[in-house]
Amino acid sequence: MSAQASFASGDKNSKIDDQYPVDVSDPWAQDEYLRKVIAEVFADEGKDAVWMAQRVAACESSGNPRGPIIHWELDGSGLLLNKPVDPNDKPSSAAGNFQILLNLHAKWLKNNGFVDVTNDEYQYTEAAKALFVGNGRDWDDWNQSKNCWETKSASN
C-alpha cells in the first residue's frame, strides 16, 4: 500500500533547524534530492535498476510513477508514514519513500546493520537496495504497488 501525500506546500521553513537536507514542505525539492540519493545508492546495480528504484519510490510515496518521491511528511513532522484512508483500518508500519514495513523487517534491519533507517535517508535507501538484491534483484517487497510501477512492453 502506498502513502498518499498531500502536495499542497506548507510552511516554507520546514527544513527545521537543518533537521532535513531540503525544504520538506516542497515535494519537488524532496524529489530532486531523493532521486540523487537513489541514483547514488543503486548505481552499482545499473541504470535500469536506478530508474526502476526511482519509479517504485515515486509510486510508494505519491501513488504515481511520475509523481514526486517523498520521504518526509510535508509538515516536517518526520518520516512519511502510511496513514489509512479508512479510519477503521489499522495503521501500517510502512514508512519513507519506499514504504518499508518497519515492523515486518525490524529484525532483518537490525541483523543487517540498518539501525538508523528512520533518521538516515542513505541508510534507509541502502536497506531498500538490500531488500531488492536479497529478493534476487526483484521488487517482490513492493508488489502491493506493482500496478503503479510495472511497465508494459512488447517483450513482456
Protein backbone atom coordinates (compact mmCIF):
# COMPACT_ATOMS: atom_id res chain seq x y z
CA MET A 1 0.00 0.00 0.00
CA SER A 2 1.44 3.35 -0.93
CA ALA A 3 1.39 6.52 1.09
CA GLN A 4 -0.58 9.33 -0.44
CA ALA A 5 0.96 12.65 0.48
CA SER A 6 -0.85 15.92 0.04
CA PHE A 7 1.13 18.11 -2.33
CA ALA A 8 -0.02 21.45 -1.01
CA SER A 9 3.06 23.28 0.17
CA GLY A 10 3.06 24.01 3.84
CA ASP A 11 5.39 26.06 5.99
CA LYS A 12 8.35 27.18 3.91
CA ASN A 13 10.61 26.78 6.97
CA SER A 14 10.24 23.01 7.04
CA LYS A 15 13.98 22.48 6.88
CA ILE A 16 13.55 22.86 10.67
CA ASP A 17 16.89 23.64 12.24
CA ASP A 18 18.70 21.77 9.48
CA GLN A 19 17.00 18.55 10.58
CA TYR A 20 16.36 17.80 6.90
CA PRO A 21 18.65 18.25 3.88
CA VAL A 22 15.88 20.00 1.89
CA ASP A 23 12.73 22.04 2.40
CA VAL A 24 10.41 19.12 3.18
CA SER A 25 7.29 21.21 2.59
CA ASP A 26 8.16 21.20 -1.13
CA PRO A 27 7.54 17.71 -2.56
CA TRP A 28 9.55 18.51 -5.70
CA ALA A 29 12.56 19.60 -3.63
CA GLN A 30 12.35 16.26 -1.84
CA ASP A 31 12.03 14.53 -5.21
CA GLU A 32 15.12 16.17 -6.67
CA TYR A 33 17.23 15.33 -3.63
CA LEU A 34 15.92 11.75 -3.23
CA ARG A 35 16.41 10.90 -6.91
CA LYS A 36 20.09 11.74 -6.39
CA VAL A 37 20.27 9.60 -3.24
CA ILE A 38 18.63 6.64 -5.01
CA ALA A 39 20.87 7.06 -8.07
CA GLU A 40 23.95 7.07 -5.87
CA VAL A 41 22.94 4.06 -3.76
CA PHE A 42 21.66 1.92 -6.66
CA ALA A 43 24.42 2.97 -9.13
CA ASP A 44 26.27 -0.34 -9.00
CA GLU A 45 23.07 -2.15 -9.97
CA GLY A 46 22.95 -0.33 -13.33
CA LYS A 47 20.83 2.38 -14.94
CA ASP A 48 17.73 0.18 -15.30
CA ALA A 49 17.74 -0.62 -11.57
CA VAL A 50 18.20 3.08 -10.71
CA TRP A 51 15.30 4.02 -12.99
CA MET A 52 13.04 1.32 -11.53
CA ALA A 53 14.02 2.13 -7.93
CA GLN A 54 13.05 5.76 -8.53
CA ARG A 55 9.78 4.63 -10.13
CA VAL A 56 8.96 2.28 -7.23
CA ALA A 57 9.75 5.01 -4.68
CA ALA A 58 7.52 7.51 -6.53
CA CYS A 59 4.65 5.00 -6.63
CA GLU A 60 5.09 4.08 -2.98
CA SER A 61 5.30 7.67 -1.74
CA SER A 62 2.98 9.58 -4.06
CA GLY A 63 0.93 6.90 -5.84
CA ASN A 64 2.19 7.99 -9.25
CA PRO A 65 5.28 6.74 -11.13
CA ARG A 66 5.82 10.27 -12.44
CA GLY A 67 4.93 11.92 -9.14
CA PRO A 68 7.37 13.27 -6.61
CA ILE A 69 9.41 10.94 -4.45
CA ILE A 70 8.60 11.93 -0.88
CA HIS A 71 10.46 10.62 2.16
CA TRP A 72 9.40 13.05 4.89
CA GLU A 73 6.00 14.38 5.93
CA LEU A 74 5.42 17.72 4.24
CA ASP A 75 4.77 19.39 7.61
CA GLY A 76 8.25 18.41 8.84
CA SER A 77 6.93 16.01 11.49
CA GLY A 78 9.20 13.15 10.44
CA LEU A 79 9.37 10.16 8.14
CA LEU A 80 6.48 9.75 5.67
CA LEU A 81 4.03 7.31 7.21
CA ASN A 82 1.31 5.28 5.55
CA LYS A 83 -1.94 6.55 7.02
CA PRO A 84 -5.08 4.50 6.38
CA VAL A 85 -7.69 6.22 4.25
CA ASP A 86 -10.44 4.45 6.20
CA PRO A 87 -10.23 5.33 9.93
CA ASN A 88 -11.38 1.77 10.73
CA ASP A 89 -8.25 0.33 9.09
CA LYS A 90 -5.24 -0.46 11.26
CA PRO A 91 -2.23 1.80 10.68
CA SER A 92 0.70 0.27 8.86
CA SER A 93 4.36 0.37 9.85
CA ALA A 94 5.20 1.35 6.25
CA ALA A 95 7.42 4.42 6.27
CA GLY A 96 9.62 6.51 4.00
CA ASN A 97 9.72 6.84 0.23
CA PHE A 98 9.94 3.07 -0.35
CA GLN A 99 7.28 2.47 2.34
CA ILE A 100 9.42 -0.20 4.01
CA LEU A 101 7.37 -2.15 6.55
CA LEU A 102 9.46 -1.33 9.61
CA ASN A 103 7.67 -3.77 11.96
CA LEU A 104 7.84 -6.66 9.49
CA HIS A 105 11.51 -6.08 8.70
CA ALA A 106 12.65 -4.91 12.18
CA LYS A 107 14.74 -8.00 12.99
CA TRP A 108 16.16 -8.21 9.46
CA LEU A 109 17.06 -4.49 9.51
CA LYS A 110 18.83 -4.82 12.87
CA ASN A 111 20.62 -8.06 11.93
CA ASN A 112 21.92 -6.44 8.74
CA GLY A 113 23.22 -3.30 10.45
CA PHE A 114 20.43 -0.95 9.37
CA VAL A 115 19.93 0.57 12.81
CA ASP A 116 19.16 4.17 11.84
CA VAL A 117 16.85 3.86 8.82
CA THR A 118 14.30 6.27 10.28
CA ASN A 119 16.85 9.09 10.60
CA ASP A 120 19.31 8.45 7.78
CA GLU A 121 17.92 8.56 4.23
CA TYR A 122 21.09 6.97 2.83
CA GLN A 123 20.89 4.03 5.24
CA TYR A 124 17.16 3.76 4.51
CA THR A 125 17.88 3.61 0.75
CA GLU A 126 20.67 1.08 1.34
CA ALA A 127 18.10 -1.07 3.19
CA ALA A 128 15.69 -0.81 0.25
CA LYS A 129 18.52 -1.85 -2.08
CA ALA A 130 19.43 -4.79 0.19
CA LEU A 131 15.80 -5.97 0.10
CA PHE A 132 15.85 -5.69 -3.70
CA VAL A 133 19.15 -7.59 -4.00
CA GLY A 134 18.08 -10.16 -1.40
CA ASN A 135 14.99 -10.91 -3.49
CA GLY A 136 17.14 -11.87 -6.46
CA ARG A 137 17.11 -8.31 -7.80
CA ASP A 138 13.34 -8.36 -7.86
CA TRP A 139 10.84 -5.87 -6.48
CA ASP A 140 8.73 -8.51 -4.66
CA ASP A 141 8.60 -6.48 -1.44
CA TRP A 142 6.77 -3.78 -3.39
CA ASN A 143 4.18 -5.96 -5.15
CA GLN A 144 1.36 -4.04 -3.43
CA SER A 145 2.09 -1.08 -5.75
CA LYS A 146 3.12 -3.13 -8.79
CA ASN A 147 0.16 -1.90 -10.84
CA CYS A 148 1.65 1.60 -10.50
CA TRP A 149 5.35 0.97 -11.24
CA GLU A 150 5.24 -2.05 -13.55
CA THR A 151 5.95 -1.21 -17.17
CA LYS A 152 4.37 -2.89 -20.13
CA SER A 153 6.46 -3.60 -23.20
CA ALA A 154 6.23 -5.65 -26.38
CA SER A 155 8.79 -8.08 -24.92
CA ASN A 156 6.69 -8.86 -21.80
